[in-house]
Amino acid sequence: MTAVTELLIRRAEPADLSALADLAAETFPLACPPHTTPEAVADFVARNFTVAHFEGYLADADRVVLVAERGAEASTRLVGYTMLVGGEPGDADAAAAVTARPAVELSKFYTRADEHGGGIAGPLMAATLDAARASGAAACWLGVNEENARAIRFYEKQGFAKVGRKHFTVGGRIENDWVLAQPLA
């Protein structure tokens, strides 16, 4: 656990399932290219971010889900979350670009829009990379849409570097992503 002022970062628990699904639905559109339709976003959220999906994610031994919350005990609010996925990269282009093994994917890294610039992202990334190291991984990698300049700047500031490219499909449209990675040693 990491605490910074009113911010608490911890491993997600079953009691977080509904709040996590809501947070994912709220934050996923922030990472989408501007041309992504609301229908495509809604379809992706329905296929990946339901309570049942998060229940499976929390039960998966190869995944670590962290949440960031703010507030007093009686009125805490999830303001961000991350998901690490262990194992061989499932994307062939990412597998070719990320040469260190074992590697862990930073599959999700989201904070609420109203919290951007509020001091959450740095501590959340630090806690996430600590969890990645604790998993025994030699490297952490992620995919980020090439049009998401803000996220790319943040990831590079956190020590990630572009190592390749891959594709990601949303709404039947193939998007171009950068593959970024960093060693964990």
Protein backbone atom coordinates (compact mmCIF):
# COMPACT_ATOMS: atom_id res chain seq x y z
CA MET A 1 0.00 0.00 0.00
CA THR A 2 1.06 3.54 -0.76
CA ALA A 3 -0.52 6.59 0.83
CA VAL A 4 0.00 10.19 -0.34
CA THR A 5 -2.03 12.81 1.56
CA GLU A 6 -5.64 11.65 1.01
CA LEU A 7 -4.65 9.11 -1.63
CA LEU A 8 -4.56 5.40 -0.85
CA ILE A 9 -3.30 2.86 -3.39
CA ARG A 10 -4.10 -0.76 -2.68
CA ARG A 11 -4.89 -4.07 -4.30
CA ALA A 12 -8.48 -4.27 -5.54
CA GLU A 13 -10.90 -6.42 -3.55
CA PRO A 14 -14.24 -8.06 -4.39
CA ALA A 15 -16.04 -5.17 -2.63
CA ASP A 16 -14.61 -2.88 -5.36
CA LEU A 17 -16.18 -4.74 -8.30
CA SER A 18 -19.09 -2.41 -9.01
CA ALA A 19 -17.02 0.75 -8.48
CA LEU A 20 -14.26 -0.67 -10.72
CA ALA A 21 -16.70 -1.41 -13.53
CA ASP A 22 -18.12 2.11 -13.25
CA LEU A 23 -14.64 3.64 -13.18
CA ALA A 24 -13.56 1.64 -16.24
CA ALA A 25 -16.66 2.74 -18.16
CA GLU A 26 -15.97 6.35 -17.24
CA THR A 27 -12.24 6.37 -17.98
CA PHE A 28 -11.86 4.11 -21.04
CA PRO A 29 -13.13 6.82 -23.43
CA LEU A 30 -10.30 9.09 -22.25
CA ALA A 31 -7.77 6.84 -23.99
CA CYS A 32 -9.71 6.46 -27.24
CA PRO A 33 -8.81 8.41 -30.37
CA PRO A 34 -11.20 11.32 -31.03
CA HIS A 35 -12.84 9.53 -33.96
CA THR A 36 -14.00 6.59 -31.80
CA THR A 37 -17.79 6.58 -31.78
CA PRO A 38 -19.82 6.42 -28.57
CA GLU A 39 -21.30 3.16 -29.85
CA ALA A 40 -17.84 1.62 -30.27
CA VAL A 41 -16.86 2.72 -26.77
CA ALA A 42 -20.07 1.32 -25.28
CA ASP A 43 -19.56 -1.99 -27.08
CA PHE A 44 -15.95 -2.28 -25.86
CA VAL A 45 -16.94 -1.44 -22.29
CA ALA A 46 -19.76 -4.01 -22.38
CA ARG A 47 -17.39 -6.68 -23.66
CA ASN A 48 -14.52 -5.95 -21.24
CA PHE A 49 -15.48 -3.92 -18.17
CA THR A 50 -18.54 -5.45 -16.52
CA VAL A 51 -18.66 -6.49 -12.89
CA ALA A 52 -18.36 -10.12 -14.06
CA HIS A 53 -15.23 -9.29 -16.07
CA PHE A 54 -13.62 -7.59 -13.09
CA GLU A 55 -14.58 -10.53 -10.90
CA GLY A 56 -12.65 -12.76 -13.31
CA TYR A 57 -9.73 -10.33 -13.42
CA LEU A 58 -9.44 -10.33 -9.62
CA ALA A 59 -9.61 -14.14 -9.53
CA ASP A 60 -6.89 -14.52 -12.20
CA ALA A 61 -3.53 -15.33 -10.58
CA ASP A 62 -1.72 -13.74 -13.56
CA ARG A 63 -3.36 -10.35 -12.97
CA VAL A 64 -2.83 -7.64 -10.39
CA VAL A 65 -5.44 -4.90 -10.15
CA LEU A 66 -4.60 -1.85 -8.05
CA VAL A 67 -7.01 0.95 -7.15
CA ALA A 68 -6.39 4.49 -6.03
CA GLU A 69 -8.96 6.02 -3.73
CA ARG A 70 -9.45 9.40 -2.12
CA GLY A 71 -11.51 10.56 0.79
CA ALA A 72 -12.34 9.90 4.39
CA GLU A 73 -13.24 6.36 5.41
CA ALA A 74 -16.99 6.96 5.19
CA SER A 75 -16.87 8.55 1.73
CA THR A 76 -14.03 7.04 -0.25
CA ARG A 77 -14.10 7.23 -4.02
CA LEU A 78 -12.07 5.24 -6.53
CA VAL A 79 -10.16 7.75 -8.64
CA GLY A 80 -7.88 5.47 -10.64
CA TYR A 81 -6.89 1.89 -11.31
CA THR A 82 -4.28 -0.21 -13.03
CA MET A 83 -4.11 -3.79 -14.24
CA LEU A 84 -0.98 -5.85 -14.75
CA VAL A 85 -1.16 -9.05 -16.80
CA GLY A 86 1.63 -11.59 -16.51
CA GLY A 87 2.65 -14.16 -19.05
CA GLU A 88 3.81 -14.07 -22.63
CA PRO A 89 2.47 -11.05 -24.56
CA GLY A 90 -0.67 -12.17 -26.40
CA ASP A 91 -0.05 -9.77 -29.27
CA ALA A 92 2.59 -11.00 -31.78
CA ASP A 93 3.86 -7.49 -32.53
CA ALA A 94 4.23 -6.70 -28.83
CA ALA A 95 5.93 -10.06 -28.22
CA ALA A 96 8.49 -9.23 -30.91
CA ALA A 97 9.06 -5.69 -29.60
CA VAL A 98 9.43 -6.59 -25.92
CA THR A 99 12.60 -8.65 -25.74
CA ALA A 100 13.10 -9.05 -21.97
CA ARG A 101 11.43 -12.02 -20.31
CA PRO A 102 9.55 -12.58 -18.18
CA ALA A 103 7.53 -9.48 -19.04
CA VAL A 104 4.36 -8.11 -17.52
CA GLU A 105 1.87 -5.99 -19.43
CA LEU A 106 0.50 -2.79 -17.96
CA SER A 107 -2.87 -3.46 -19.54
CA LYS A 108 -4.84 -0.68 -17.86
CA PHE A 109 -3.76 2.66 -16.36
CA TYR A 110 -6.62 5.08 -15.86
CA THR A 111 -7.51 8.01 -13.63
CA ARG A 112 -10.70 10.04 -13.61
CA ALA A 113 -10.55 13.12 -15.85
CA ASP A 114 -11.37 15.41 -12.93
CA GLU A 115 -8.30 14.04 -11.13
CA HIS A 116 -5.81 14.70 -13.97
CA GLY A 117 -3.05 16.86 -12.55
CA GLY A 118 -4.13 15.98 -9.00
CA GLY A 119 -1.05 14.00 -8.03
CA ILE A 120 -2.49 10.52 -8.53
CA ALA A 121 -0.73 9.21 -11.63
CA GLY A 122 2.86 9.28 -10.32
CA PRO A 123 2.18 7.40 -7.07
CA LEU A 124 -0.16 4.99 -8.88
CA MET A 125 2.54 4.23 -11.45
CA ALA A 126 5.16 3.76 -8.70
CA ALA A 127 2.92 1.29 -6.86
CA THR A 128 2.13 -0.51 -10.12
CA LEU A 129 5.81 -0.86 -11.06
CA ASP A 130 6.54 -2.12 -7.53
CA ALA A 131 3.86 -4.79 -8.04
CA ALA A 132 5.38 -5.64 -11.44
CA ARG A 133 8.81 -6.07 -9.83
CA ALA A 134 7.30 -8.19 -7.06
CA SER A 135 5.89 -10.51 -9.74
CA GLY A 136 9.45 -11.31 -10.82
CA ALA A 137 9.11 -9.69 -14.22
CA ALA A 138 12.23 -8.36 -15.93
CA ALA A 139 10.29 -5.75 -17.92
CA CYS A 140 6.96 -3.97 -17.98
CA TRP A 141 5.32 -3.05 -21.28
CA LEU A 142 2.16 -1.35 -22.51
CA GLY A 143 0.37 -0.31 -25.66
CA VAL A 144 -0.82 3.27 -26.10
CA ASN A 145 -2.65 4.82 -29.03
CA GLU A 146 -0.29 6.85 -31.16
CA GLU A 147 -2.67 9.83 -30.98
CA ASN A 148 -2.67 9.91 -27.16
CA ALA A 149 0.18 12.42 -26.75
CA ARG A 150 -0.61 13.18 -23.11
CA ALA A 151 -0.37 9.52 -22.09
CA ILE A 152 2.78 8.98 -24.16
CA ARG A 153 4.48 11.95 -22.45
CA PHE A 154 3.48 10.61 -19.04
CA TYR A 155 4.72 7.08 -19.75
CA GLU A 156 8.03 8.36 -21.12
CA LYS A 157 8.43 10.56 -18.03
CA GLN A 158 7.90 7.40 -15.94
CA GLY A 159 10.78 5.61 -17.71
CA PHE A 160 9.01 3.83 -20.55
CA ALA A 161 10.51 3.99 -24.05
CA LYS A 162 9.05 3.22 -27.48
CA VAL A 163 10.19 -0.24 -28.57
CA GLY A 164 7.74 -1.06 -31.35
CA ARG A 165 4.22 -0.84 -32.69
CA LYS A 166 1.07 -2.94 -32.50
CA HIS A 167 -2.59 -2.68 -33.43
CA PHE A 168 -5.70 -2.44 -31.28
CA THR A 169 -9.26 -2.79 -32.53
CA VAL A 170 -12.13 -0.66 -31.20
CA GLY A 171 -15.48 -0.62 -32.94
CA GLY A 172 -14.19 -2.68 -35.85
CA ARG A 173 -11.54 -0.06 -36.60
CA ILE A 174 -7.86 -0.96 -36.35
CA GLU A 175 -5.91 1.63 -34.36
CA ASN A 176 -2.14 2.07 -34.28
CA ASP A 177 -0.46 1.80 -30.90
CA TRP A 178 3.05 2.36 -29.71
CA VAL A 179 4.54 -0.43 -27.62
CA LEU A 180 6.44 1.11 -24.72
CA ALA A 181 8.58 -0.85 -22.27
CA GLN A 182 10.96 -0.41 -19.40
CA PRO A 183 13.29 -2.74 -17.55
CA LEU A 184 12.38 -3.47 -13.96
CA ALA A 185 15.81 -4.37 -12.58
